[in-house]
């Protein structure tokens, strides 16, 4: 690669990538955004949107994997 930017941690990379790809009228879709990730996204004027599955919204109910993305909501956002 002609250019490499060394960073000390993932949050620094998120800040750089968000500043390059974010901005007003842009959306970042995720199952659940980490708080600093959301802050870096929203600092640019973009909107971070959580699309966690129904099981992930209920912390006391056992489920095999609560981190899945709600694919129906994802399709609606893309449309």
PDB file of N, CA and C in Angstrom:
ATOM      1  N   UNK A   1       0.840  -1.183   0.000  1.00  0.00           N
ATOM      2  CA  UNK A   1       0.000   0.000   0.000  1.00  0.00           C
ATOM      3  C   UNK A   1       0.886   1.247   0.000  1.00  0.00           C
ATOM      4  N   UNK A   2       0.504   2.246  -0.728  1.00  0.00           N
ATOM      5  CA  UNK A   2       1.330   3.451  -0.799  1.00  0.00           C
ATOM      6  C   UNK A   2       1.294   4.289   0.487  1.00  0.00           C
ATOM      7  N   UNK A   3       0.277   4.075   1.328  1.00  0.00           N
ATOM      8  CA  UNK A   3       0.149   4.886   2.532  1.00  0.00           C
ATOM      9  C   UNK A   3      -0.357   4.012   3.673  1.00  0.00           C
ATOM     10  N   UNK A   4       0.313   4.081   4.801  1.00  0.00           N
ATOM     11  CA  UNK A   4      -0.102   3.336   5.988  1.00  0.00           C
ATOM     12  C   UNK A   4      -0.197   4.321   7.135  1.00  0.00           C
ATOM     13  N   UNK A   5      -1.312   4.282   7.857  1.00  0.00           N
ATOM     14  CA  UNK A   5      -1.475   5.131   9.037  1.00  0.00           C
ATOM     15  C   UNK A   5      -1.463   4.220  10.253  1.00  0.00           C
ATOM     16  N   UNK A   6      -0.416   4.307  11.045  1.00  0.00           N
ATOM     17  CA  UNK A   6      -0.322   3.503  12.254  1.00  0.00           C
ATOM     18  C   UNK A   6      -1.215   4.115  13.331  1.00  0.00           C
ATOM     19  N   UNK A   7      -1.947   3.287  14.021  1.00  0.00           N
ATOM     20  CA  UNK A   7      -2.805   3.768  15.106  1.00  0.00           C
ATOM     21  C   UNK A   7      -2.556   2.927  16.352  1.00  0.00           C
ATOM     22  N   UNK A   8      -2.850   3.490  17.497  1.00  0.00           N
ATOM     23  CA  UNK A   8      -2.562   2.823  18.755  1.00  0.00           C
ATOM     24  C   UNK A   8      -3.685   1.911  19.234  1.00  0.00           C
ATOM     25  N   UNK A   9      -4.877   2.039  18.690  1.00  0.00           N
ATOM     26  CA  UNK A   9      -5.984   1.181  19.093  1.00  0.00           C
ATOM     27  C   UNK A   9      -7.138   1.290  18.100  1.00  0.00           C
ATOM     28  N   UNK A  10      -8.088   0.366  18.221  1.00  0.00           N
ATOM     29  CA  UNK A  10      -9.225   0.322  17.306  1.00  0.00           C
ATOM     30  C   UNK A  10     -10.079   1.572  17.315  1.00  0.00           C
ATOM     31  N   UNK A  11     -10.226   2.191  18.479  1.00  0.00           N
ATOM     32  CA  UNK A  11     -11.046   3.407  18.543  1.00  0.00           C
ATOM     33  C   UNK A  11     -10.459   4.529  17.702  1.00  0.00           C
ATOM     34  N   UNK A  12      -9.126   4.568  17.627  1.00  0.00           N
ATOM     35  CA  UNK A  12      -8.483   5.579  16.790  1.00  0.00           C
ATOM     36  C   UNK A  12      -8.780   5.314  15.317  1.00  0.00           C
ATOM     37  N   UNK A  13      -8.787   4.045  14.942  1.00  0.00           N
ATOM     38  CA  UNK A  13      -9.119   3.672  13.560  1.00  0.00           C
ATOM     39  C   UNK A  13     -10.570   4.058  13.262  1.00  0.00           C
ATOM     40  N   UNK A  14     -11.475   3.776  14.198  1.00  0.00           N
ATOM     41  CA  UNK A  14     -12.884   4.156  14.010  1.00  0.00           C
ATOM     42  C   UNK A  14     -13.022   5.656  13.773  1.00  0.00           C
ATOM     43  N   UNK A  15     -12.281   6.445  14.528  1.00  0.00           N
ATOM     44  CA  UNK A  15     -12.337   7.905  14.378  1.00  0.00           C
ATOM     45  C   UNK A  15     -11.889   8.311  12.978  1.00  0.00           C
ATOM     46  N   UNK A  16     -10.806   7.722  12.500  1.00  0.00           N
ATOM     47  CA  UNK A  16     -10.292   8.044  11.168  1.00  0.00           C
ATOM     48  C   UNK A  16     -11.289   7.607  10.090  1.00  0.00           C
ATOM     49  N   UNK A  17     -11.765   6.355  10.170  1.00  0.00           N
ATOM     50  CA  UNK A  17     -12.694   5.849   9.160  1.00  0.00           C
ATOM     51  C   UNK A  17     -14.014   6.617   9.166  1.00  0.00           C
ATOM     52  N   UNK A  18     -14.504   6.953  10.352  1.00  0.00           N
ATOM     53  CA  UNK A  18     -15.760   7.705  10.435  1.00  0.00           C
ATOM     54  C   UNK A  18     -15.612   9.076   9.802  1.00  0.00           C
ATOM     55  N   UNK A  19     -14.473   9.711  10.030  1.00  0.00           N
ATOM     56  CA  UNK A  19     -14.276  11.045   9.450  1.00  0.00           C
ATOM     57  C   UNK A  19     -14.164  10.983   7.932  1.00  0.00           C
ATOM     58  N   UNK A  20     -13.706   9.853   7.403  1.00  0.00           N
ATOM     59  CA  UNK A  20     -13.579   9.704   5.950  1.00  0.00           C
ATOM     60  C   UNK A  20     -14.880   9.259   5.284  1.00  0.00           C
ATOM     61  N   UNK A  21     -15.674   8.456   5.968  1.00  0.00           N
ATOM     62  CA  UNK A  21     -16.861   7.868   5.340  1.00  0.00           C
ATOM     63  C   UNK A  21     -18.177   8.424   5.867  1.00  0.00           C
ATOM     64  N   UNK A  22     -18.153   9.148   6.963  1.00  0.00           N
ATOM     65  CA  UNK A  22     -19.387   9.676   7.555  1.00  0.00           C
ATOM     66  C   UNK A  22     -19.841  10.954   6.897  1.00  0.00           C
ATOM     67  N   UNK A  23     -20.788  11.615   7.546  1.00  0.00           N
ATOM     68  CA  UNK A  23     -21.304  12.880   7.047  1.00  0.00           C
ATOM     69  C   UNK A  23     -22.817  12.897   7.079  1.00  0.00           C
ATOM     70  N   UNK A  24     -23.363  14.078   6.883  1.00  0.00           N
ATOM     71  CA  UNK A  24     -24.815  14.251   6.900  1.00  0.00           C
ATOM     72  C   UNK A  24     -25.491  13.370   5.863  1.00  0.00           C
ATOM     73  N   UNK A  25     -26.678  12.898   6.221  1.00  0.00           N
ATOM     74  CA  UNK A  25     -27.509  12.054   5.353  1.00  0.00           C
ATOM     75  C   UNK A  25     -26.865  10.708   5.045  1.00  0.00           C
ATOM     76  N   UNK A  26     -25.979  10.235   5.929  1.00  0.00           N
ATOM     77  CA  UNK A  26     -25.391   8.896   5.798  1.00  0.00           C
ATOM     78  C   UNK A  26     -25.774   8.093   7.023  1.00  0.00           C
ATOM     79  N   UNK A  27     -25.854   6.759   6.842  1.00  0.00           N
ATOM     80  CA  UNK A  27     -26.276   5.871   7.915  1.00  0.00           C
ATOM     81  C   UNK A  27     -25.271   4.741   8.065  1.00  0.00           C
ATOM     82  N   UNK A  28     -24.998   4.383   9.310  1.00  0.00           N
ATOM     83  CA  UNK A  28     -24.160   3.234   9.632  1.00  0.00           C
ATOM     84  C   UNK A  28     -25.054   2.224  10.330  1.00  0.00           C
ATOM     85  N   UNK A  29     -25.262   1.073   9.713  1.00  0.00           N
ATOM     86  CA  UNK A  29     -26.156   0.055  10.242  1.00  0.00           C
ATOM     87  C   UNK A  29     -25.343  -1.036  10.923  1.00  0.00           C
ATOM     88  N   UNK A  30     -25.821  -1.473  12.087  1.00  0.00           N
ATOM     89  CA  UNK A  30     -25.108  -2.482  12.848  1.00  0.00           C
ATOM     90  C   UNK A  30     -26.097  -3.271  13.690  1.00  0.00           C
ATOM     91  N   UNK A  31     -25.654  -4.433  14.182  1.00  0.00           N
ATOM     92  CA  UNK A  31     -26.507  -5.138  15.133  1.00  0.00           C
ATOM     93  C   UNK A  31     -26.599  -4.294  16.409  1.00  0.00           C
ATOM     94  N   UNK A  32     -25.480  -3.839  16.934  1.00  0.00           N
ATOM     95  CA  UNK A  32     -25.436  -2.921  18.078  1.00  0.00           C
ATOM     96  C   UNK A  32     -24.115  -2.168  18.030  1.00  0.00           C
ATOM     97  N   UNK A  33     -24.175  -0.868  17.990  1.00  0.00           N
ATOM     98  CA  UNK A  33     -22.966  -0.058  17.956  1.00  0.00           C
ATOM     99  C   UNK A  33     -22.413   0.132  19.366  1.00  0.00           C
ATOM    100  N   UNK A  34     -21.101   0.036  19.509  1.00  0.00           N
ATOM    101  CA  UNK A  34     -20.439   0.345  20.764  1.00  0.00           C
ATOM    102  C   UNK A  34     -20.523   1.851  20.974  1.00  0.00           C
ATOM    103  N   UNK A  35     -20.499   2.300  22.221  1.00  0.00           N
ATOM    104  CA  UNK A  35     -20.730   3.717  22.505  1.00  0.00           C
ATOM    105  C   UNK A  35     -19.733   4.658  21.834  1.00  0.00           C
ATOM    106  N   UNK A  36     -18.443   4.311  21.831  1.00  0.00           N
ATOM    107  CA  UNK A  36     -17.486   5.202  21.172  1.00  0.00           C
ATOM    108  C   UNK A  36     -17.609   5.136  19.656  1.00  0.00           C
ATOM    109  N   UNK A  37     -18.009   3.988  19.130  1.00  0.00           N
ATOM    110  CA  UNK A  37     -18.245   3.871  17.686  1.00  0.00           C
ATOM    111  C   UNK A  37     -19.383   4.798  17.287  1.00  0.00           C
ATOM    112  N   UNK A  38     -20.484   4.760  18.038  1.00  0.00           N
ATOM    113  CA  UNK A  38     -21.629   5.645  17.763  1.00  0.00           C
ATOM    114  C   UNK A  38     -21.211   7.114  17.857  1.00  0.00           C
ATOM    115  N   UNK A  39     -20.435   7.438  18.870  1.00  0.00           N
ATOM    116  CA  UNK A  39     -19.993   8.831  19.038  1.00  0.00           C
ATOM    117  C   UNK A  39     -19.164   9.290  17.845  1.00  0.00           C
ATOM    118  N   UNK A  40     -18.244   8.438  17.374  1.00  0.00           N
ATOM    119  CA  UNK A  40     -17.425   8.801  16.214  1.00  0.00           C
ATOM    120  C   UNK A  40     -18.275   8.978  14.962  1.00  0.00           C
ATOM    121  N   UNK A  41     -19.263   8.126  14.786  1.00  0.00           N
ATOM    122  CA  UNK A  41     -20.157   8.209  13.629  1.00  0.00           C
ATOM    123  C   UNK A  41     -20.985   9.490  13.692  1.00  0.00           C
ATOM    124  N   UNK A  42     -21.613   9.725  14.834  1.00  0.00           N
ATOM    125  CA  UNK A  42     -22.536  10.854  14.960  1.00  0.00           C
ATOM    126  C   UNK A  42     -21.811  12.194  15.003  1.00  0.00           C
ATOM    127  N   UNK A  43     -20.549  12.193  15.398  1.00  0.00           N
ATOM    128  CA  UNK A  43     -19.749  13.415  15.373  1.00  0.00           C
ATOM    129  C   UNK A  43     -19.650  13.968  13.952  1.00  0.00           C
ATOM    130  N   UNK A  44     -19.685  13.082  12.958  1.00  0.00           N
ATOM    131  CA  UNK A  44     -19.568  13.509  11.563  1.00  0.00           C
ATOM    132  C   UNK A  44     -20.894  14.010  10.985  1.00  0.00           C
ATOM    133  N   UNK A  45     -21.988  13.815  11.725  1.00  0.00           N
ATOM    134  CA  UNK A  45     -23.306  14.185  11.216  1.00  0.00           C
ATOM    135  C   UNK A  45     -24.077  12.995  10.684  1.00  0.00           C
ATOM    136  N   UNK A  46     -23.432  11.831  10.607  1.00  0.00           N
ATOM    137  CA  UNK A  46     -24.108  10.609  10.167  1.00  0.00           C
ATOM    138  C   UNK A  46     -24.953  10.063  11.317  1.00  0.00           C
ATOM    139  N   UNK A  47     -25.745   9.053  11.028  1.00  0.00           N
ATOM    140  CA  UNK A  47     -26.593   8.446  12.043  1.00  0.00           C
ATOM    141  C   UNK A  47     -26.236   6.970  12.205  1.00  0.00           C
ATOM    142  N   UNK A  48     -26.008   6.563  13.441  1.00  0.00           N
ATOM    143  CA  UNK A  48     -25.761   5.163  13.747  1.00  0.00           C
ATOM    144  C   UNK A  48     -27.064   4.491  14.137  1.00  0.00           C
ATOM    145  N   UNK A  49     -27.365   3.364  13.529  1.00  0.00           N
ATOM    146  CA  UNK A  49     -28.647   2.697  13.768  1.00  0.00           C
ATOM    147  C   UNK A  49     -28.398   1.257  14.209  1.00  0.00           C
ATOM    148  N   UNK A  50     -28.973   0.906  15.372  1.00  0.00           N
ATOM    149  CA  UNK A  50     -28.897  -0.463  15.894  1.00  0.00           C
ATOM    150  C   UNK A  50     -30.047  -1.280  15.331  1.00  0.00           C
ATOM    151  N   UNK A  51     -29.723  -2.435  14.794  1.00  0.00           N
ATOM    152  CA  UNK A  51     -30.733  -3.342  14.243  1.00  0.00           C
ATOM    153  C   UNK A  51     -30.590  -4.720  14.895  1.00  0.00           C
ATOM    154  N   UNK A  52     -30.602  -4.742  16.224  1.00  0.00           N
ATOM    155  CA  UNK A  52     -30.427  -6.002  16.941  1.00  0.00           C
ATOM    156  C   UNK A  52     -31.685  -6.857  16.827  1.00  0.00           C
ATOM    157  N   UNK A  53     -31.500  -8.157  16.818  1.00  0.00           N
ATOM    158  CA  UNK A  53     -32.625  -9.086  16.709  1.00  0.00           C
ATOM    159  C   UNK A  53     -33.502  -9.006  17.961  1.00  0.00           C
ATOM    160  N   UNK A  54     -34.715  -9.527  17.868  1.00  0.00           N
ATOM    161  CA  UNK A  54     -35.671  -9.466  18.975  1.00  0.00           C
ATOM    162  C   UNK A  54     -35.122 -10.119  20.239  1.00  0.00           C
ATOM    163  N   UNK A  55     -34.411 -11.243  20.099  1.00  0.00           N
ATOM    164  CA  UNK A  55     -33.864 -11.939  21.270  1.00  0.00           C
ATOM    165  C   UNK A  55     -32.858 -11.079  22.029  1.00  0.00           C
ATOM    166  N   UNK A  56     -32.141 -10.266  21.318  1.00  0.00           N
ATOM    167  CA  UNK A  56     -31.124  -9.419  21.931  1.00  0.00           C
ATOM    168  C   UNK A  56     -31.692  -8.294  22.766  1.00  0.00           C
ATOM    169  N   UNK A  57     -32.961  -7.998  22.605  1.00  0.00           N
ATOM    170  CA  UNK A  57     -33.600  -6.924  23.369  1.00  0.00           C
ATOM    171  C   UNK A  57     -34.080  -7.387  24.737  1.00  0.00           C
ATOM    172  N   UNK A  58     -33.983  -8.681  25.014  1.00  0.00           N
ATOM    173  CA  UNK A  58     -34.476  -9.245  26.274  1.00  0.00           C
ATOM    174  C   UNK A  58     -33.325  -9.936  26.994  1.00  0.00           C
ATOM    175  N   UNK A  59     -32.728  -9.237  27.931  1.00  0.00           N
ATOM    176  CA  UNK A  59     -31.526  -9.739  28.589  1.00  0.00           C
ATOM    177  C   UNK A  59     -31.773 -10.940  29.500  1.00  0.00           C
ATOM    178  N   UNK A  60     -32.989 -11.116  29.985  1.00  0.00           N
ATOM    179  CA  UNK A  60     -33.252 -12.203  30.939  1.00  0.00           C
ATOM    180  C   UNK A  60     -33.734 -13.490  30.281  1.00  0.00           C
ATOM    181  N   UNK A  61     -34.023 -13.461  29.004  1.00  0.00           N
ATOM    182  CA  UNK A  61     -34.513 -14.649  28.300  1.00  0.00           C
ATOM    183  C   UNK A  61     -33.346 -15.325  27.587  1.00  0.00           C
ATOM    184  N   UNK A  62     -33.091 -16.610  27.873  1.00  0.00           N
ATOM    185  CA  UNK A  62     -31.989 -17.315  27.200  1.00  0.00           C
ATOM    186  C   UNK A  62     -32.241 -17.472  25.693  1.00  0.00           C
ATOM    187  N   UNK A  63     -31.184 -17.337  24.930  1.00  0.00           N
ATOM    188  CA  UNK A  63     -31.244 -17.540  23.478  1.00  0.00           C
ATOM    189  C   UNK A  63     -29.846 -17.937  23.024  1.00  0.00           C
ATOM    190  N   UNK A  64     -29.716 -18.721  21.953  1.00  0.00           N
ATOM    191  CA  UNK A  64     -28.392 -19.206  21.535  1.00  0.00           C
ATOM    192  C   UNK A  64     -27.425 -18.089  21.120  1.00  0.00           C
ATOM    193  N   UNK A  65     -27.903 -17.073  20.460  1.00  0.00           N
ATOM    194  CA  UNK A  65     -27.011 -15.997  20.025  1.00  0.00           C
ATOM    195  C   UNK A  65     -27.816 -14.712  19.904  1.00  0.00           C
ATOM    196  N   UNK A  66     -27.604 -13.799  20.815  1.00  0.00           N
ATOM    197  CA  UNK A  66     -28.398 -12.572  20.874  1.00  0.00           C
ATOM    198  C   UNK A  66     -27.808 -11.415  20.073  1.00  0.00           C
ATOM    199  N   UNK A  67     -26.696 -11.642  19.423  1.00  0.00           N
ATOM    200  CA  UNK A  67     -26.035 -10.565  18.687  1.00  0.00           C
ATOM    201  C   UNK A  67     -26.421 -10.505  17.213  1.00  0.00           C
ATOM    202  N   UNK A  68     -27.334 -11.345  16.790  1.00  0.00           N
ATOM    203  CA  UNK A  68     -27.733 -11.337  15.381  1.00  0.00           C
ATOM    204  C   UNK A  68     -28.392 -10.020  15.001  1.00  0.00           C
ATOM    205  N   UNK A  69     -28.300  -9.697  13.724  1.00  0.00           N
ATOM    206  CA  UNK A  69     -28.945  -8.500  13.208  1.00  0.00           C
ATOM    207  C   UNK A  69     -30.357  -8.861  12.768  1.00  0.00           C
ATOM    208  N   UNK A  70     -31.275  -7.939  12.967  1.00  0.00           N
ATOM    209  CA  UNK A  70     -32.651  -8.096  12.497  1.00  0.00           C
ATOM    210  C   UNK A  70     -32.631  -7.868  10.984  1.00  0.00           C
ATOM    211  N   UNK A  71     -32.649  -8.947  10.220  1.00  0.00           N
ATOM    212  CA  UNK A  71     -32.500  -8.832   8.761  1.00  0.00           C
ATOM    213  C   UNK A  71     -33.719  -8.215   8.098  1.00  0.00           C
ATOM    214  N   UNK A  72     -34.896  -8.356   8.696  1.00  0.00           N
ATOM    215  CA  UNK A  72     -36.092  -7.706   8.151  1.00  0.00           C
ATOM    216  C   UNK A  72     -35.932  -6.176   8.276  1.00  0.00           C
ATOM    217  N   UNK A  73     -35.500  -5.719   9.446  1.00  0.00           N
ATOM    218  CA  UNK A  73     -35.266  -4.290   9.640  1.00  0.00           C
ATOM    219  C   UNK A  73     -34.149  -3.786   8.726  1.00  0.00           C
ATOM    220  N   UNK A  74     -33.141  -4.615   8.509  1.00  0.00           N
ATOM    221  CA  UNK A  74     -32.051  -4.247   7.606  1.00  0.00           C
ATOM    222  C   UNK A  74     -32.577  -4.050   6.185  1.00  0.00           C
ATOM    223  N   UNK A  75     -33.399  -4.972   5.718  1.00  0.00           N
ATOM    224  CA  UNK A  75     -33.976  -4.830   4.366  1.00  0.00           C
ATOM    225  C   UNK A  75     -34.805  -3.557   4.252  1.00  0.00           C
ATOM    226  N   UNK A  76     -35.564  -3.226   5.288  1.00  0.00           N
ATOM    227  CA  UNK A  76     -36.370  -2.008   5.279  1.00  0.00           C
ATOM    228  C   UNK A  76     -35.486  -0.753   5.212  1.00  0.00           C
ATOM    229  N   UNK A  77     -34.388  -0.775   5.967  1.00  0.00           N
ATOM    230  CA  UNK A  77     -33.473   0.379   5.943  1.00  0.00           C
ATOM    231  C   UNK A  77     -32.820   0.543   4.577  1.00  0.00           C
ATOM    232  N   UNK A  78     -32.444  -0.563   3.969  1.00  0.00           N
ATOM    233  CA  UNK A  78     -31.816  -0.497   2.648  1.00  0.00           C
ATOM    234  C   UNK A  78     -32.807   0.006   1.599  1.00  0.00           C
ATOM    235  N   UNK A  79     -34.055  -0.462   1.711  1.00  0.00           N
ATOM    236  CA  UNK A  79     -35.087  -0.022   0.752  1.00  0.00           C
ATOM    237  C   UNK A  79     -35.380   1.449   0.933  1.00  0.00           C
TER     238      UNK A  79
END
